[in-house]
Protein backbone atom coordinates (compact mmCIF):
# COMPACT_ATOMS: atom_id res chain seq x y z
CA MET A 1 -115.40 146.11 -117.03
CA LEU A 2 -112.94 146.48 -119.79
CA GLY A 3 -113.91 148.15 -123.17
CA GLY A 4 -117.52 147.49 -122.11
CA GLN A 5 -116.95 143.75 -121.60
CA PRO A 6 -117.31 142.21 -118.08
CA ILE A 7 -114.34 140.32 -116.68
CA LEU A 8 -115.53 137.32 -114.83
CA ILE A 9 -113.27 136.29 -111.99
CA LEU A 10 -115.57 134.02 -109.92
CA ARG A 11 -117.37 131.09 -111.37
CA GLU A 12 -120.87 131.86 -112.73
CA GLY A 13 -123.45 131.27 -109.85
CA THR A 14 -121.06 132.27 -106.93
CA GLN A 15 -122.66 134.35 -104.29
CA ARG A 16 -120.75 137.14 -102.72
CA GLU A 17 -121.48 139.39 -99.80
CA LYS A 18 -119.08 141.92 -98.44
CA GLY A 19 -118.74 144.87 -96.06
CA ARG A 20 -121.11 145.65 -93.38
CA GLY A 21 -123.82 143.43 -94.85
CA ALA A 22 -121.58 140.42 -94.54
CA GLN A 23 -120.76 141.15 -90.98
CA ILE A 24 -124.24 141.69 -89.93
CA ARG A 25 -125.58 138.55 -91.43
CA ASN A 26 -122.78 136.53 -89.93
CA ILE A 27 -123.50 138.03 -86.50
CA ALA A 28 -127.22 137.47 -87.05
CA ALA A 29 -126.65 133.78 -87.70
CA ALA A 30 -124.36 133.16 -84.76
CA LYS A 31 -126.89 135.05 -82.46
CA ALA A 32 -129.85 132.90 -83.70
CA LEU A 33 -127.95 129.82 -82.99
CA ALA A 34 -126.92 130.94 -79.52
CA ASP A 35 -130.44 131.84 -78.71
CA SER A 36 -131.66 128.53 -79.89
CA VAL A 37 -129.62 126.77 -76.96
CA ARG A 38 -129.85 129.53 -74.45
CA SER A 39 -133.16 128.08 -72.85
CA THR A 40 -131.26 124.99 -71.99
CA LEU A 41 -128.70 126.63 -69.55
CA GLY A 42 -128.87 126.03 -65.77
CA PRO A 43 -130.76 123.73 -63.52
CA LYS A 44 -134.12 125.06 -64.73
CA GLY A 45 -133.17 124.79 -68.43
CA MET A 46 -135.59 123.13 -70.83
CA ASP A 47 -134.85 120.05 -73.07
CA LYS A 48 -134.77 119.96 -76.87
CA MET A 49 -136.16 117.16 -78.94
CA MET A 50 -134.08 116.52 -82.05
CA VAL A 51 -135.70 114.35 -84.75
CA ASP A 52 -133.35 113.51 -87.74
CA ASN A 53 -134.45 112.70 -91.35
CA ILE A 54 -134.98 109.08 -90.68
CA GLY A 55 -137.08 109.64 -87.63
CA ASP A 56 -134.55 108.91 -84.78
CA VAL A 57 -135.13 111.02 -81.77
CA VAL A 58 -132.75 112.67 -79.25
CA ILE A 59 -134.05 114.32 -76.19
CA THR A 60 -131.28 116.43 -74.33
CA ASN A 61 -130.24 119.71 -72.92
CA ASP A 62 -126.58 119.13 -73.50
CA GLY A 63 -125.35 121.89 -75.83
CA ALA A 64 -122.76 119.87 -77.74
CA THR A 65 -125.35 117.25 -78.55
CA ILE A 66 -127.90 119.67 -79.63
CA LEU A 67 -125.52 121.51 -82.02
CA LYS A 68 -124.20 118.13 -83.32
CA GLU A 69 -127.61 116.89 -84.16
CA MET A 70 -128.64 120.13 -85.85
CA ASP A 71 -128.28 120.33 -89.60
CA ILE A 72 -126.50 123.72 -89.80
CA GLU A 73 -125.54 125.22 -93.22
CA HIS A 74 -124.52 128.82 -92.47
CA PRO A 75 -120.72 129.03 -92.23
CA ALA A 76 -120.62 131.48 -89.36
CA ALA A 77 -123.16 129.42 -87.33
CA LYS A 78 -120.88 126.38 -87.90
CA MET A 79 -118.09 128.20 -85.99
CA LEU A 80 -120.32 128.07 -82.88
CA VAL A 81 -120.70 124.33 -83.41
CA GLU A 82 -116.84 124.07 -83.26
CA VAL A 83 -116.89 126.24 -80.02
CA ALA A 84 -119.09 123.72 -78.45
CA LYS A 85 -117.15 120.77 -79.79
CA THR A 86 -113.79 122.23 -78.35
CA GLN A 87 -115.37 122.89 -75.06
CA ASP A 88 -116.81 119.33 -74.91
CA GLU A 89 -113.46 117.74 -75.77
CA GLU A 90 -111.49 119.96 -73.44
CA CYS A 91 -113.83 120.08 -70.31
CA GLY A 92 -116.84 117.87 -71.06
CA ASP A 93 -119.18 120.45 -69.65
CA GLY A 94 -119.90 124.17 -70.21
CA THR A 95 -120.83 123.83 -73.91
CA THR A 96 -124.04 125.85 -73.69
CA THR A 97 -122.19 128.57 -71.67
CA ALA A 98 -119.46 129.00 -74.35
CA VAL A 99 -122.02 129.14 -77.20
CA VAL A 100 -124.20 131.71 -75.28
CA LEU A 101 -121.09 133.76 -74.48
CA THR A 102 -120.17 133.77 -78.17
CA GLY A 103 -123.59 135.07 -79.18
CA GLU A 104 -123.51 137.77 -76.62
CA PHE A 105 -120.01 138.99 -77.53
CA LEU A 106 -121.21 139.35 -81.10
CA LYS A 107 -124.41 141.05 -80.04
CA ARG A 108 -122.44 143.71 -78.15
CA ALA A 109 -119.98 144.01 -81.03
CA GLU A 110 -122.89 144.69 -83.46
CA ASP A 111 -123.93 147.65 -81.41
CA MET A 112 -120.30 149.02 -81.61
CA LEU A 113 -120.20 148.48 -85.33
CA GLU A 114 -123.26 150.60 -85.67
CA GLN A 115 -121.30 153.34 -83.90
CA ASN A 116 -118.66 153.12 -86.61
CA ILE A 117 -116.04 151.54 -84.33
CA HIS A 118 -113.81 149.49 -86.56
CA PRO A 119 -113.88 145.57 -86.19
CA THR A 120 -110.12 145.49 -85.54
CA ILE A 121 -110.51 147.83 -82.65
CA ILE A 122 -113.29 145.68 -81.19
CA CYS A 123 -111.16 142.52 -81.66
CA ASP A 124 -108.12 144.14 -79.86
CA GLY A 125 -110.43 145.21 -76.97
CA TYR A 126 -111.90 141.69 -76.75
CA ARG A 127 -108.48 140.22 -76.73
CA LEU A 128 -107.25 142.45 -73.90
CA ALA A 129 -110.43 141.52 -71.96
CA ALA A 130 -109.92 137.81 -72.46
CA ILE A 131 -106.36 137.88 -71.22
CA LYS A 132 -107.43 139.97 -68.11
CA SER A 133 -110.48 137.47 -67.56
CA GLN A 134 -107.97 134.58 -67.27
CA GLU A 135 -105.93 136.55 -64.58
CA ILE A 136 -109.06 137.21 -62.74
CA LEU A 137 -110.22 133.64 -62.82
CA ASP A 138 -106.78 132.47 -61.41
CA LYS A 139 -107.27 134.71 -58.54
CA MET A 140 -110.80 133.46 -57.88
CA ALA A 141 -109.71 129.74 -57.87
CA ASP A 142 -109.42 127.47 -54.83
CA SER A 143 -107.11 124.55 -54.62
CA ILE A 144 -108.36 120.95 -54.35
CA SER A 145 -106.61 117.62 -53.92
CA ILE A 146 -107.53 114.11 -55.22
CA ASP A 147 -108.12 113.04 -51.52
CA ASP A 148 -110.97 115.63 -51.12
CA GLN A 149 -113.74 113.19 -52.02
CA GLU A 150 -116.53 115.31 -50.51
CA THR A 151 -115.70 118.29 -52.78
CA LEU A 152 -115.11 116.17 -55.89
CA ILE A 153 -118.68 114.74 -55.40
CA LYS A 154 -120.03 118.20 -55.13
CA ILE A 155 -118.31 118.99 -58.45
CA ALA A 156 -119.86 116.04 -60.17
CA THR A 157 -123.33 116.79 -58.71
CA THR A 158 -123.05 120.44 -59.98
CA ALA A 159 -122.45 119.15 -63.51
CA MET A 160 -125.54 117.03 -63.40
CA TYR A 161 -128.03 119.58 -61.82
CA SER A 162 -129.31 120.62 -65.23
CA LYS A 163 -129.68 117.07 -66.69
CA ALA A 164 -132.63 114.78 -66.87
CA ALA A 165 -130.52 112.33 -64.76
CA SER A 166 -130.45 114.74 -61.83
CA VAL A 167 -132.98 112.65 -59.96
CA SER A 168 -130.06 110.21 -59.37
CA LYS A 169 -127.18 112.75 -59.33
CA GLU A 170 -125.88 111.69 -55.82
CA SER A 171 -125.32 108.09 -56.76
CA LEU A 172 -124.09 108.82 -60.29
CA ALA A 173 -121.75 111.58 -58.76
CA GLN A 174 -120.37 108.95 -56.47
CA ILE A 175 -119.79 106.60 -59.34
CA ALA A 176 -118.04 109.26 -61.24
CA VAL A 177 -115.65 110.25 -58.52
CA GLU A 178 -114.86 106.54 -57.66
CA ALA A 179 -114.27 105.79 -61.39
CA VAL A 180 -111.82 108.83 -61.93
CA THR A 181 -109.97 108.44 -58.76
CA SER A 182 -109.26 104.82 -59.61
CA ILE A 183 -107.74 105.54 -63.02
CA ALA A 184 -106.00 108.66 -62.08
CA GLU A 185 -102.20 108.32 -62.42
CA GLU A 186 -99.55 110.33 -60.69
CA ILE A 187 -96.72 111.62 -63.10
CA ASP A 188 -93.99 113.92 -61.68
CA GLY A 189 -96.34 115.14 -58.92
CA LYS A 190 -99.34 115.80 -61.21
CA TYR A 191 -102.23 113.71 -61.76
CA SER A 192 -103.30 112.56 -65.29
CA VAL A 193 -106.61 111.09 -66.14
CA ASP A 194 -107.40 109.07 -69.37
CA LEU A 195 -111.11 108.74 -69.48
CA ASP A 196 -110.78 106.05 -72.18
CA ASN A 197 -109.93 103.82 -69.33
CA VAL A 198 -113.50 104.23 -68.14
CA GLN A 199 -115.77 101.88 -70.10
CA ILE A 200 -119.60 102.81 -70.09
CA VAL A 201 -121.89 99.90 -70.87
CA LYS A 202 -125.55 100.69 -71.45
CA ARG A 203 -128.35 98.18 -71.03
CA GLN A 204 -132.14 98.93 -70.85
CA GLY A 205 -133.90 97.65 -67.87
CA LYS A 206 -134.26 98.31 -64.16
CA ALA A 207 -133.95 101.97 -62.94
CA LEU A 208 -131.41 104.59 -63.18
CA GLU A 209 -130.48 104.00 -59.50
CA ASP A 210 -129.35 100.51 -60.48
CA THR A 211 -126.37 101.94 -62.45
CA GLN A 212 -123.26 100.47 -60.85
CA LEU A 213 -119.49 100.88 -60.91
CA ILE A 214 -117.44 97.72 -61.66
CA LYS A 215 -113.83 97.79 -60.56
CA GLY A 216 -112.87 95.79 -63.59
CA ILE A 217 -114.19 95.45 -67.14
CA ILE A 218 -117.49 94.21 -68.86
CA LEU A 219 -117.19 92.35 -72.04
CA ASP A 220 -120.10 91.96 -74.36
CA LYS A 221 -119.35 88.30 -74.82
CA GLU A 222 -120.07 84.92 -73.34
CA ARG A 223 -117.72 82.06 -72.47
CA ALA A 224 -116.49 80.19 -75.48
CA HIS A 225 -117.85 76.83 -74.53
CA ILE A 226 -120.98 75.77 -72.53
CA GLY A 227 -118.91 73.16 -70.67
CA MET A 228 -116.76 75.84 -69.17
CA PRO A 229 -117.50 77.14 -65.48
CA ARG A 230 -119.98 80.00 -65.29
CA GLU A 231 -117.98 81.61 -62.65
CA VAL A 232 -114.19 81.55 -61.52
CA TRP A 233 -113.27 82.90 -58.07
CA ILE A 234 -109.81 84.06 -57.45
CA ALA A 235 -109.26 84.31 -61.10
CA LYS A 236 -105.64 84.19 -62.69
CA ILE A 237 -106.08 85.85 -66.02
CA ALA A 238 -104.08 85.22 -69.16
CA LEU A 239 -104.28 87.64 -72.12
CA VAL A 240 -103.13 86.22 -75.43
CA SER A 241 -103.23 88.16 -78.69
CA SER A 242 -102.75 85.18 -81.03
CA ALA A 243 -105.18 82.39 -81.88
CA LEU A 244 -105.40 79.24 -80.01
CA GLU A 245 -105.46 76.93 -83.03
CA VAL A 246 -103.11 74.87 -85.17
CA LYS A 247 -101.06 77.37 -87.29
CA LYS A 248 -101.36 77.40 -91.03
CA THR A 249 -98.31 77.35 -93.15
CA GLN A 250 -96.95 80.65 -94.40
CA VAL A 251 -96.89 79.29 -98.05
CA ASP A 252 -99.38 77.32 -100.09
CA ALA A 253 -99.20 73.65 -99.30
CA LYS A 254 -100.83 70.44 -100.09
CA ILE A 255 -100.94 67.37 -97.80
CA GLN A 256 -101.61 64.19 -99.73
CA ILE A 257 -103.12 61.40 -97.64
CA THR A 258 -103.33 58.05 -99.40
CA ILE A 259 -104.30 55.74 -96.58
CA PRO A 260 -106.68 56.01 -93.73
CA SER A 261 -103.89 55.72 -91.01
CA GLN A 262 -102.23 58.81 -92.39
CA LEU A 263 -105.45 60.71 -91.82
CA GLU A 264 -105.79 59.42 -88.34
CA ALA A 265 -102.15 60.40 -87.62
CA PHE A 266 -102.70 63.86 -89.00
CA LEU A 267 -105.77 64.51 -86.87
CA ALA A 268 -104.00 62.97 -83.82
CA GLU A 269 -101.07 65.38 -84.22
CA GLU A 270 -103.43 68.45 -84.40
CA GLU A 271 -105.20 67.18 -81.26
CA ARG A 272 -101.76 66.71 -79.56
CA ILE A 273 -100.84 70.30 -80.41
CA LEU A 274 -103.87 71.84 -79.19
CA LYS A 275 -103.87 69.63 -75.97
CA GLU A 276 -100.23 70.86 -75.38
CA MET A 277 -101.26 74.40 -75.68
CA VAL A 278 -104.05 73.90 -73.11
CA HIS A 279 -101.69 72.00 -70.79
CA ARG A 280 -99.06 74.88 -71.19
CA LEU A 281 -101.72 77.42 -70.14
CA LYS A 282 -102.84 75.22 -67.17
CA ASN A 283 -99.21 74.83 -65.95
CA THR A 284 -98.90 78.61 -65.63
CA GLY A 285 -101.64 78.59 -63.09
CA ALA A 286 -104.17 80.45 -65.30
CA ASN A 287 -107.74 79.67 -64.90
CA VAL A 288 -109.11 82.28 -67.15
CA LEU A 289 -108.16 83.01 -70.80
CA PHE A 290 -108.97 86.04 -72.79
CA CYS A 291 -107.94 85.59 -76.54
CA GLU A 292 -107.91 88.51 -79.02
CA LYS A 293 -108.27 85.91 -81.86
CA GLY A 294 -110.26 82.76 -82.30
CA ILE A 295 -110.03 79.44 -80.31
CA ASP A 296 -110.42 76.10 -81.98
CA ASP A 297 -113.48 74.05 -81.11
CA LEU A 298 -111.21 71.16 -79.86
CA ALA A 299 -109.17 73.54 -77.92
CA GLN A 300 -112.46 74.88 -76.32
CA HIS A 301 -113.31 71.41 -75.38
CA TYR A 302 -109.95 70.79 -73.58
CA LEU A 303 -110.17 74.12 -71.85
CA ALA A 304 -113.61 73.37 -70.51
CA ARG A 305 -112.41 69.96 -69.25
CA GLU A 306 -109.47 71.77 -67.40
CA GLY A 307 -112.10 74.13 -65.72
CA ILE A 308 -110.62 77.25 -67.61
CA TYR A 309 -113.05 80.03 -68.39
CA ALA A 310 -112.17 81.34 -71.91
CA VAL A 311 -113.39 84.17 -74.20
CA SER A 312 -112.46 84.67 -77.90
CA ASN A 313 -112.33 87.35 -80.54
CA ILE A 314 -111.90 90.25 -77.95
CA LYS A 315 -111.35 93.79 -79.45
CA ASP A 316 -107.87 95.29 -79.11
CA SER A 317 -109.11 98.17 -77.05
CA ASP A 318 -110.89 95.81 -74.70
CA MET A 319 -107.64 93.72 -74.28
CA LYS A 320 -105.74 96.89 -73.24
CA LYS A 321 -108.43 97.79 -70.75
CA LEU A 322 -108.22 94.25 -69.34
CA SER A 323 -104.49 94.58 -69.05
CA LYS A 324 -104.90 97.82 -67.06
CA ALA A 325 -107.79 96.53 -64.96
CA CYS A 326 -106.33 93.15 -63.64
CA GLY A 327 -102.55 93.87 -64.26
CA ALA A 328 -101.96 91.12 -66.77
CA SER A 329 -99.35 91.39 -69.72
CA ILE A 330 -100.72 90.89 -73.17
CA ILE A 331 -98.65 87.99 -74.69
CA MET A 332 -98.17 87.69 -78.29
CA ARG A 333 -97.61 83.76 -78.27
CA LEU A 334 -98.89 81.28 -75.85
CA GLU A 335 -95.40 79.69 -75.63
CA ASP A 336 -94.14 82.82 -74.11
CA LEU A 337 -96.75 82.99 -71.23
CA THR A 338 -95.41 82.71 -67.61
CA ASP A 339 -97.06 82.95 -64.22
CA SER A 340 -95.65 86.49 -63.86
CA ASP A 341 -97.67 87.56 -67.00
CA LEU A 342 -100.97 86.59 -65.30
CA GLY A 343 -103.43 89.14 -63.89
CA ALA A 344 -105.76 88.82 -60.97
CA ALA A 345 -109.44 89.34 -60.30
CA GLU A 346 -111.76 88.42 -57.44
CA LEU A 347 -114.28 87.01 -59.84
CA VAL A 348 -114.80 86.35 -63.59
CA GLY A 349 -118.12 85.16 -64.63
CA GLU A 350 -121.03 85.30 -67.03
CA ARG A 351 -124.09 87.26 -66.23
CA ARG A 352 -127.37 87.69 -68.09
CA ILE A 353 -128.16 91.41 -68.52
CA GLY A 354 -131.50 91.89 -70.41
CA ASP A 355 -131.27 89.55 -73.50
CA ASP A 356 -127.41 89.46 -73.57
CA ASN A 357 -124.88 87.12 -71.78
CA MET A 358 -121.91 89.26 -70.71
CA THR A 359 -118.59 88.46 -69.15
CA PHE A 360 -117.84 90.36 -65.91
CA VAL A 361 -114.32 90.85 -64.51
CA THR A 362 -114.76 92.25 -61.10
CA GLY A 363 -112.70 92.80 -57.99
CA CYS A 364 -109.43 93.87 -59.50
CA GLU A 365 -107.14 95.40 -56.98
CA ASN A 366 -105.79 98.75 -57.98
CA ALA A 367 -107.60 98.52 -61.29
CA LYS A 368 -106.44 101.40 -63.70
CA ALA A 369 -109.45 100.61 -65.94
CA VAL A 370 -113.02 100.43 -64.62
CA SER A 371 -116.61 100.09 -66.11
CA VAL A 372 -119.86 101.67 -65.39
CA LEU A 373 -123.04 99.63 -66.25
CA VAL A 374 -125.84 102.25 -66.82
CA ARG A 375 -129.35 101.11 -66.53
CA GLY A 376 -132.59 102.88 -67.18
CA GLY A 377 -136.22 102.35 -68.03
CA THR A 378 -136.04 103.53 -71.70
CA GLU A 379 -133.50 104.08 -74.35
CA HIS A 380 -133.81 107.81 -74.09
CA VAL A 381 -133.25 107.83 -70.40
CA ILE A 382 -130.15 105.63 -70.73
CA GLU A 383 -128.67 107.94 -73.45
CA GLU A 384 -129.25 110.99 -71.37
CA ALA A 385 -127.80 109.10 -68.30
CA GLU A 386 -124.66 108.44 -70.25
CA ARG A 387 -124.36 112.10 -71.30
CA SER A 388 -124.82 113.20 -67.63
CA LEU A 389 -122.35 110.67 -66.43
CA ASP A 390 -119.83 111.69 -69.14
CA ASP A 391 -120.11 115.40 -68.00
CA ALA A 392 -119.57 114.32 -64.39
CA LEU A 393 -116.47 112.17 -65.30
CA ASN A 394 -114.94 115.07 -67.30
CA VAL A 395 -115.44 117.69 -64.61
CA VAL A 396 -113.97 115.47 -61.91
CA ALA A 397 -111.04 114.65 -64.18
CA ALA A 398 -110.42 118.34 -64.91
CA ALA A 399 -110.63 119.20 -61.20
CA ILE A 400 -108.06 116.52 -60.29
CA GLU A 401 -105.63 117.27 -63.12
CA ASP A 402 -105.74 121.08 -62.58
CA GLY A 403 -106.21 121.08 -58.81
CA LYS A 404 -108.30 124.32 -59.19
CA ILE A 405 -112.07 124.96 -58.63
CA VAL A 406 -114.33 128.05 -58.66
CA ALA A 407 -117.84 128.88 -57.55
CA GLY A 408 -120.69 128.30 -60.06
CA GLY A 409 -124.13 129.60 -60.13
CA GLY A 410 -123.16 132.71 -62.14
CA ALA A 411 -120.62 133.78 -59.55
CA LEU A 412 -117.63 133.50 -62.04
CA ALA A 413 -119.26 135.66 -64.76
CA ALA A 414 -120.34 138.27 -62.29
CA GLU A 415 -116.91 138.63 -60.73
CA VAL A 416 -115.22 138.80 -64.07
CA ALA A 417 -117.69 141.49 -65.28
CA LEU A 418 -117.02 143.52 -62.25
CA ARG A 419 -113.21 143.31 -62.47
CA LEU A 420 -113.33 144.01 -66.23
CA ARG A 421 -115.22 147.24 -65.72
CA GLU A 422 -112.61 148.40 -63.31
CA TYR A 423 -109.91 147.29 -65.75
CA ALA A 424 -111.54 149.13 -68.72
CA SER A 425 -110.82 152.59 -67.36
CA THR A 426 -107.05 151.76 -67.44
CA VAL A 427 -107.07 150.68 -71.11
CA GLY A 428 -108.09 154.05 -72.76
CA GLY A 429 -108.89 154.67 -76.45
CA ARG A 430 -111.82 152.94 -78.21
CA GLU A 431 -110.58 149.62 -76.90
CA GLN A 432 -111.97 150.66 -73.56
CA MET A 433 -115.51 150.47 -74.99
CA ALA A 434 -114.83 146.94 -76.41
CA VAL A 435 -113.61 145.87 -72.84
CA GLU A 436 -116.73 147.39 -71.25
CA ALA A 437 -118.95 145.61 -73.80
CA TYR A 438 -117.08 142.41 -73.14
CA ALA A 439 -117.79 142.87 -69.29
CA ASN A 440 -121.52 143.45 -70.03
CA ALA A 441 -121.59 140.40 -72.30
CA MET A 442 -120.21 138.29 -69.38
CA GLU A 443 -123.47 138.83 -67.41
CA ILE A 444 -125.50 136.98 -70.02
CA VAL A 445 -124.77 133.81 -67.94
CA PRO A 446 -126.39 134.95 -64.60
CA ARG A 447 -129.10 136.63 -66.52
CA THR A 448 -129.93 133.50 -68.41
CA LEU A 449 -129.88 131.46 -65.31
CA ALA A 450 -132.39 133.68 -63.75
CA GLU A 451 -134.67 133.95 -66.90
CA ASN A 452 -134.73 130.13 -67.30
CA ALA A 453 -135.80 129.81 -63.65
CA GLY A 454 -138.61 132.28 -64.15
CA LEU A 455 -137.03 135.05 -62.08
CA ASP A 456 -136.80 138.71 -62.64
CA SER A 457 -133.34 138.88 -64.27
CA MET A 458 -132.86 142.75 -63.80
CA ASP A 459 -133.47 142.44 -59.99
CA ILE A 460 -131.20 139.40 -59.74
CA LEU A 461 -128.53 141.20 -61.66
CA ILE A 462 -128.59 144.29 -59.54
CA ASP A 463 -128.41 142.30 -56.23
CA LEU A 464 -125.49 140.11 -57.91
CA ARG A 465 -123.54 143.28 -58.79
CA LYS A 466 -124.03 144.65 -55.27
CA ALA A 467 -122.85 141.50 -53.55
CA HIS A 468 -119.64 141.23 -55.85
CA ALA A 469 -118.91 144.95 -55.35
CA SER A 470 -118.99 144.50 -51.58
CA GLY A 471 -116.14 141.69 -52.02
CA ASP A 472 -118.23 138.39 -52.04
CA LYS A 473 -116.53 136.86 -55.09
CA ARG A 474 -118.34 133.59 -54.71
CA ALA A 475 -121.86 135.19 -54.67
CA GLY A 476 -124.28 133.46 -57.19
CA ILE A 477 -127.93 132.76 -57.76
CA ASN A 478 -129.96 130.41 -55.64
CA ILE A 479 -132.73 129.75 -58.09
CA GLU A 480 -134.70 128.09 -55.47
CA THR A 481 -134.92 130.86 -52.87
CA GLU A 482 -134.31 133.68 -55.51
CA GLU A 483 -131.58 134.89 -53.25
CA ILE A 484 -127.92 135.86 -53.84
CA VAL A 485 -125.86 133.41 -51.62
CA ASP A 486 -122.22 132.07 -51.43
CA MET A 487 -122.20 129.20 -53.94
CA ARG A 488 -119.50 127.26 -52.00
CA LYS A 489 -121.93 127.05 -49.09
CA LEU A 490 -124.58 125.86 -51.64
CA ASN A 491 -122.11 123.22 -52.89
CA ILE A 492 -122.26 124.69 -56.49
CA ILE A 493 -118.58 124.19 -57.59
CA GLU A 494 -117.02 123.70 -61.01
CA PRO A 495 -113.53 123.18 -62.27
CA LEU A 496 -111.47 126.24 -63.16
CA ARG A 497 -110.86 124.79 -66.66
CA ILE A 498 -114.54 125.10 -67.66
CA GLY A 499 -114.68 128.87 -67.28
CA LYS A 500 -111.28 129.56 -68.88
CA GLN A 501 -111.95 127.34 -71.85
CA ALA A 502 -115.42 128.82 -72.38
CA ILE A 503 -114.02 132.37 -72.35
CA ASN A 504 -111.23 131.50 -74.69
CA SER A 505 -113.21 129.63 -77.14
CA ALA A 506 -116.08 132.17 -77.24
CA THR A 507 -113.63 135.18 -77.66
CA ASP A 508 -111.78 133.19 -80.48
CA ALA A 509 -114.94 132.52 -82.31
CA ALA A 510 -116.41 136.11 -81.85
CA VAL A 511 -113.16 137.74 -83.12
CA MET A 512 -112.93 135.32 -86.06
CA ILE A 513 -116.41 136.19 -87.19
CA LEU A 514 -116.00 139.90 -86.62
CA ARG A 515 -112.87 139.85 -88.78
CA ILE A 516 -114.92 138.63 -91.86
CA ASP A 517 -115.84 141.35 -94.19
CA ASP A 518 -116.25 139.23 -97.44
CA VAL A 519 -118.31 135.99 -97.77
CA ILE A 520 -117.72 134.17 -101.09
CA ALA A 521 -119.91 131.09 -101.52
CA ALA A 522 -119.62 128.79 -104.46
CA LYS A 523 -122.79 127.66 -106.21
CA HIS A 524 -124.86 125.07 -104.16
CA ALA A 525 -122.36 125.48 -101.29
CA GLY A 526 -124.69 126.95 -98.79
CA GLY A 527 -123.09 130.19 -98.61
CA GLY A 528 -123.73 133.57 -96.82
CA GLY A 529 -127.57 133.57 -97.49
CA SER A 530 -128.16 129.88 -96.45
CA GLY A 531 -128.48 128.17 -93.02
CA ILE A 532 -130.22 129.87 -90.28
CA ASP A 533 -132.31 132.98 -91.05
CA PRO A 534 -132.26 135.35 -88.27
CA GLU A 535 -135.76 136.50 -89.31
CA ASP A 536 -136.89 133.05 -88.07
CA GLU A 537 -136.04 133.75 -84.56
């Protein structure tokens, strides 16, 4: 106010909430979102049915998918969506764990705020705890090599335990491990895995057990001409990025034909050029042609007559996958093609899958790009199978790249909680309370696993603490027998990266939300009061 007149700084209609009220509402929104996905955690977790505004249905218990499908408005809750997104991009698994951890960190922080502990002190304590957690995880980790196929399969199986596709987890895990080990490339003594080189093709029909790995590429296209062979064994493959047709002039031109013989000569010349192109291709020894652009109808006829299998209008990404799979070089101009540019495959052929004719390039030796053909009875089954397979591929890739694994089943969280409590006494000051709260929050993972399995979470937690205090750092929950056992003996294993990334992402999000003391929301922007209402929980 100035002289009795209000000074307007913000636009009329802007909503503003500051101080403790803003912090509490942000924490409440994040907690509500975390609680909404908490019931999906673990092998006994439940699924969510997501229905969008046009009636499309998604049934899943994958945290990243659930949060992506939810129409979330509250800005603090959106940060948890980012946590899940980051976890999914970095690890492919552990998204629900990361979100649940974030919610629990904030819940414990809320208790400290009510004790008038400053948010900055809480954040400092959380940061110290996160750094110490990374050290603890590194000490817990065991080494693994790409040759340890048995352990890699156990890692892939663990990632699928909680998915709807778990009924076929053994076969899918085998496929995931074979796919990742095929495309892994060793660079300076370390392995690198680009999962873009694993092509997943979904087709409805048959059973989930009929999902198969193809050491090559599947193209959603049929042969260019019906006269071409349906199958080519011992294929010599040419990859050409230009069109197989008579080139048009670079400038506008007009050809004036006055007598019939000139037209006949013109057509004959076109035919000669196309015939020469096919002849040049045949002379290299190629019997299969994949063309990124179009193939002239007359050229298709000559290719068919020479017994060459050809496919046109292939996507650039598929051309690159073909090159990595069969070892062929992608040639800009057909004139530059030589026999050394050709790739090889045991079989190239057309198969009918469901209602579609597709081209299969199979039996590629040392293929650095592979395909997985996912089958299933319904669309929802296939979609969930793809998500399960994606998780398995990602965790196997993470294990191979990092070479480090840890026990699952809540063992990691329980060990971190125990060691953080020991560390807290060395911190001193009010940050010690934040470190202890962080340690207690870590136990939300084994507690939730127990609750979702219908077990007494308090009894389980007491037994788990006792096991870890006695030095059993791999002790976790066997939800079938309700016992605390060594998770490595139970084959519940996960890459170290999942735990480290989940703790980092959850800590970063919790700290960011705690440091907000003022929410300014423009009109109609869905500000502090919009989105998830904690009263609804």
